[in-house]
Amino acid sequence: MERVSQHEAAHAWKAVYSGWSIQRLILRADGTGLCLVVGDGTDYATEVDRVVFQLVGLASDLRENSGRVPYCFDTIAGRQKIHGLNRRQIGRHVSFEYAAELAVTFVDLHQEAIRNIGLALHDARELDHFVVALFGRCTR
């Protein structure tokens, strides 16, 4: 459950950092999690942020677990978002490698916020937008 709480915390912090609202952030009893967000915008930067949002959970997993991640489907969803973005041709071409690099950089820069949110989520099993924002900003 610790891995999943950190994974979902990365999604949640990226959402708050991007100015989106968290509709639901939970850890389920079966060991899975969900971060459902609402955010407006269809411009290129927002669309790239959506791709990065999809990949930050995986980037957090890889950072904390020596490159081994069981049961993560975020790469598939990330690739679908990249494909859709590139098909629309609203900005420069986005590769999976570029998006993954942005996700890894985000996780590296915000690891303390992600850790704080993950610990709170692990204990509470469900957090709202305001709690995520509070714990994310409690950094040194």
Foldseek 3Di string as FASTA:
>chain_A
DLLQLLLLLQLLVLQVVVVWFWPWWFQDPVGHIDTDIDDDDDAPVVLLSVLLSLQLSVLRNCVVPVRDDPDRPSLVVSVVSLVVSVVVVRDDRDDPVNSNVVSNVSCVVQVQLSSQSSVVCVVPRIDGSVVSVVSSVPDD
